[in-house]
């Protein structure tokens, strides 16, 4: 049988916080492995491919960024967390984004794809700004 232990409120809360931070670290690690293993780069990807729901990953990144004490590591976590801006609901097939010199660019044969591409790029930029603000606000709240 399980042995039941009684902890004071502070110990129980601290243990719960440690468990939540551990789970957040695991989710962030899984996301980073996923991005690396799937060569995501700057591609635009459907959210359904994520290893966890996007809101769960955003919350995990907030917790891990706040808990990180080393500035250089925190900067890397912020950069990785901003990669979530490349994931969109209902996008469908991955859109490859490869920088090409302007003189070598060709227009898409499908005007609907071009509109979808431009719209998704704009949404990605807005989402990146929103995520940066969310991570910075979480950090600010934790420091005060």
Protein backbone atom coordinates (compact mmCIF):
# COMPACT_ATOMS: atom_id res chain seq x y z
CA UNK A 1 0.00 0.00 0.00
CA UNK A 2 0.96 3.60 -0.39
CA UNK A 3 2.33 5.35 2.62
CA UNK A 4 0.57 8.63 3.17
CA UNK A 5 2.70 11.52 4.33
CA UNK A 6 1.41 14.72 5.78
CA UNK A 7 3.19 17.86 4.75
CA UNK A 8 2.64 21.40 5.87
CA UNK A 9 1.04 23.73 3.37
CA UNK A 10 4.37 25.31 2.33
CA UNK A 11 6.09 21.96 1.72
CA UNK A 12 3.17 20.63 -0.29
CA UNK A 13 3.02 23.79 -2.38
CA UNK A 14 6.78 23.75 -2.98
CA UNK A 15 6.63 20.10 -4.03
CA UNK A 16 3.78 20.83 -6.41
CA UNK A 17 5.66 23.78 -7.92
CA UNK A 18 8.74 21.60 -8.41
CA UNK A 19 6.64 18.95 -10.14
CA UNK A 20 5.01 21.57 -12.43
CA UNK A 21 8.43 23.01 -13.31
CA UNK A 22 9.75 19.52 -14.04
CA UNK A 23 6.78 18.86 -16.37
CA UNK A 24 7.35 22.23 -18.06
CA UNK A 25 11.03 21.39 -18.59
CA UNK A 26 10.06 18.05 -20.11
CA UNK A 27 7.56 19.71 -22.50
CA UNK A 28 10.11 22.33 -23.58
CA UNK A 29 12.77 19.65 -24.12
CA UNK A 30 10.37 17.58 -26.19
CA UNK A 31 9.49 20.61 -28.33
CA UNK A 32 13.17 21.47 -28.92
CA UNK A 33 13.88 17.84 -29.92
CA UNK A 34 10.84 17.88 -32.21
CA UNK A 35 11.99 21.07 -33.97
CA UNK A 36 15.52 19.69 -34.36
CA UNK A 37 14.49 16.22 -35.51
CA UNK A 38 11.95 17.53 -38.02
CA UNK A 39 14.20 20.21 -39.55
CA UNK A 40 11.54 22.86 -39.03
CA UNK A 41 13.87 25.83 -39.59
CA UNK A 42 11.76 28.79 -40.68
CA UNK A 43 8.97 26.65 -42.12
CA UNK A 44 5.34 27.34 -41.28
CA UNK A 45 3.71 24.27 -39.78
CA UNK A 46 0.25 23.15 -38.74
CA UNK A 47 -0.21 23.10 -34.94
CA UNK A 48 -1.44 19.52 -35.13
CA UNK A 49 2.19 18.41 -35.61
CA UNK A 50 3.27 19.78 -32.21
CA UNK A 51 4.11 17.19 -29.53
CA UNK A 52 1.82 19.07 -27.07
CA UNK A 53 -0.98 21.61 -27.61
CA UNK A 54 0.43 25.06 -28.34
CA UNK A 55 -1.12 26.73 -25.24
CA UNK A 56 0.50 24.05 -23.04
CA UNK A 57 3.89 24.70 -24.64
CA UNK A 58 3.51 28.48 -24.25
CA UNK A 59 2.76 28.05 -20.54
CA UNK A 60 5.69 25.63 -20.21
CA UNK A 61 8.06 28.12 -21.83
CA UNK A 62 6.84 30.88 -19.50
CA UNK A 63 7.58 28.74 -16.44
CA UNK A 64 10.98 27.56 -17.67
CA UNK A 65 12.07 31.05 -18.75
CA UNK A 66 11.06 32.50 -15.38
CA UNK A 67 12.87 29.74 -13.48
CA UNK A 68 16.10 30.04 -15.49
CA UNK A 69 18.77 32.11 -13.70
CA UNK A 70 21.48 32.17 -16.39
CA UNK A 71 20.92 35.07 -18.83
CA UNK A 72 22.49 33.28 -21.82
CA UNK A 73 20.33 30.21 -21.25
CA UNK A 74 17.23 32.35 -20.74
CA UNK A 75 17.94 34.05 -24.10
CA UNK A 76 18.11 30.64 -25.80
CA UNK A 77 14.83 29.61 -24.18
CA UNK A 78 13.19 32.82 -25.38
CA UNK A 79 14.43 32.17 -28.91
CA UNK A 80 13.13 28.58 -28.82
CA UNK A 81 9.81 29.71 -27.36
CA UNK A 82 9.35 32.21 -30.18
CA UNK A 83 9.53 29.29 -32.64
CA UNK A 84 5.97 28.49 -31.57
CA UNK A 85 4.91 31.44 -33.73
CA UNK A 86 5.61 29.23 -36.76
CA UNK A 87 2.78 26.85 -35.81
CA UNK A 88 -0.76 27.67 -36.97
CA UNK A 89 -4.18 26.10 -36.52
CA UNK A 90 -5.54 24.54 -39.70
CA UNK A 91 -2.56 25.45 -41.89
CA UNK A 92 -2.49 22.06 -43.55
CA UNK A 93 0.62 21.08 -45.44
CA UNK A 94 3.91 22.58 -44.22
CA UNK A 95 4.99 25.71 -46.05
CA UNK A 96 8.73 25.74 -46.73
CA UNK A 97 10.30 29.14 -46.11
CA UNK A 98 13.73 29.48 -47.68
CA UNK A 99 15.44 32.83 -48.19
CA UNK A 100 15.98 33.48 -51.90
CA UNK A 101 17.66 36.49 -53.51
CA UNK A 102 14.98 38.80 -54.95
CA UNK A 103 16.32 38.52 -58.52
CA UNK A 104 15.88 34.70 -58.37
CA UNK A 105 12.34 34.66 -56.94
CA UNK A 106 9.50 33.33 -59.00
CA UNK A 107 5.81 34.05 -58.58
CA UNK A 108 3.71 31.13 -57.41
CA UNK A 109 1.55 29.55 -60.09
CA UNK A 110 -1.29 29.32 -57.58
CA UNK A 111 -2.53 32.78 -56.53
CA UNK A 112 -4.43 31.24 -53.59
CA UNK A 113 -1.19 29.78 -52.25
CA UNK A 114 0.51 33.15 -52.53
CA UNK A 115 -2.30 34.83 -50.56
CA UNK A 116 -2.19 32.05 -47.94
CA UNK A 117 1.59 32.37 -47.71
CA UNK A 118 1.52 36.15 -47.23
CA UNK A 119 -1.32 35.95 -44.71
CA UNK A 120 0.47 33.24 -42.73
CA UNK A 121 3.73 35.22 -42.72
CA UNK A 122 1.90 38.26 -41.34
CA UNK A 123 0.20 36.15 -38.70
CA UNK A 124 3.56 34.60 -37.79
CA UNK A 125 5.10 38.03 -37.23
CA UNK A 126 2.15 39.13 -35.08
CA UNK A 127 2.27 35.88 -33.12
CA UNK A 128 6.02 36.26 -32.54
CA UNK A 129 5.41 39.73 -31.07
CA UNK A 130 2.57 38.41 -28.90
CA UNK A 131 4.70 35.55 -27.59
CA UNK A 132 7.68 37.82 -26.88
CA UNK A 133 5.41 40.11 -24.88
CA UNK A 134 3.87 37.18 -22.98
CA UNK A 135 7.29 35.76 -22.06
CA UNK A 136 8.61 39.18 -21.03
CA UNK A 137 5.52 39.89 -18.89
CA UNK A 138 5.89 36.53 -17.14
CA UNK A 139 9.52 37.32 -16.43
CA UNK A 140 8.68 40.81 -15.21
CA UNK A 141 6.00 39.48 -12.83
CA UNK A 142 8.42 36.89 -11.44
CA UNK A 143 11.13 39.48 -10.78
CA UNK A 144 8.83 41.84 -8.88
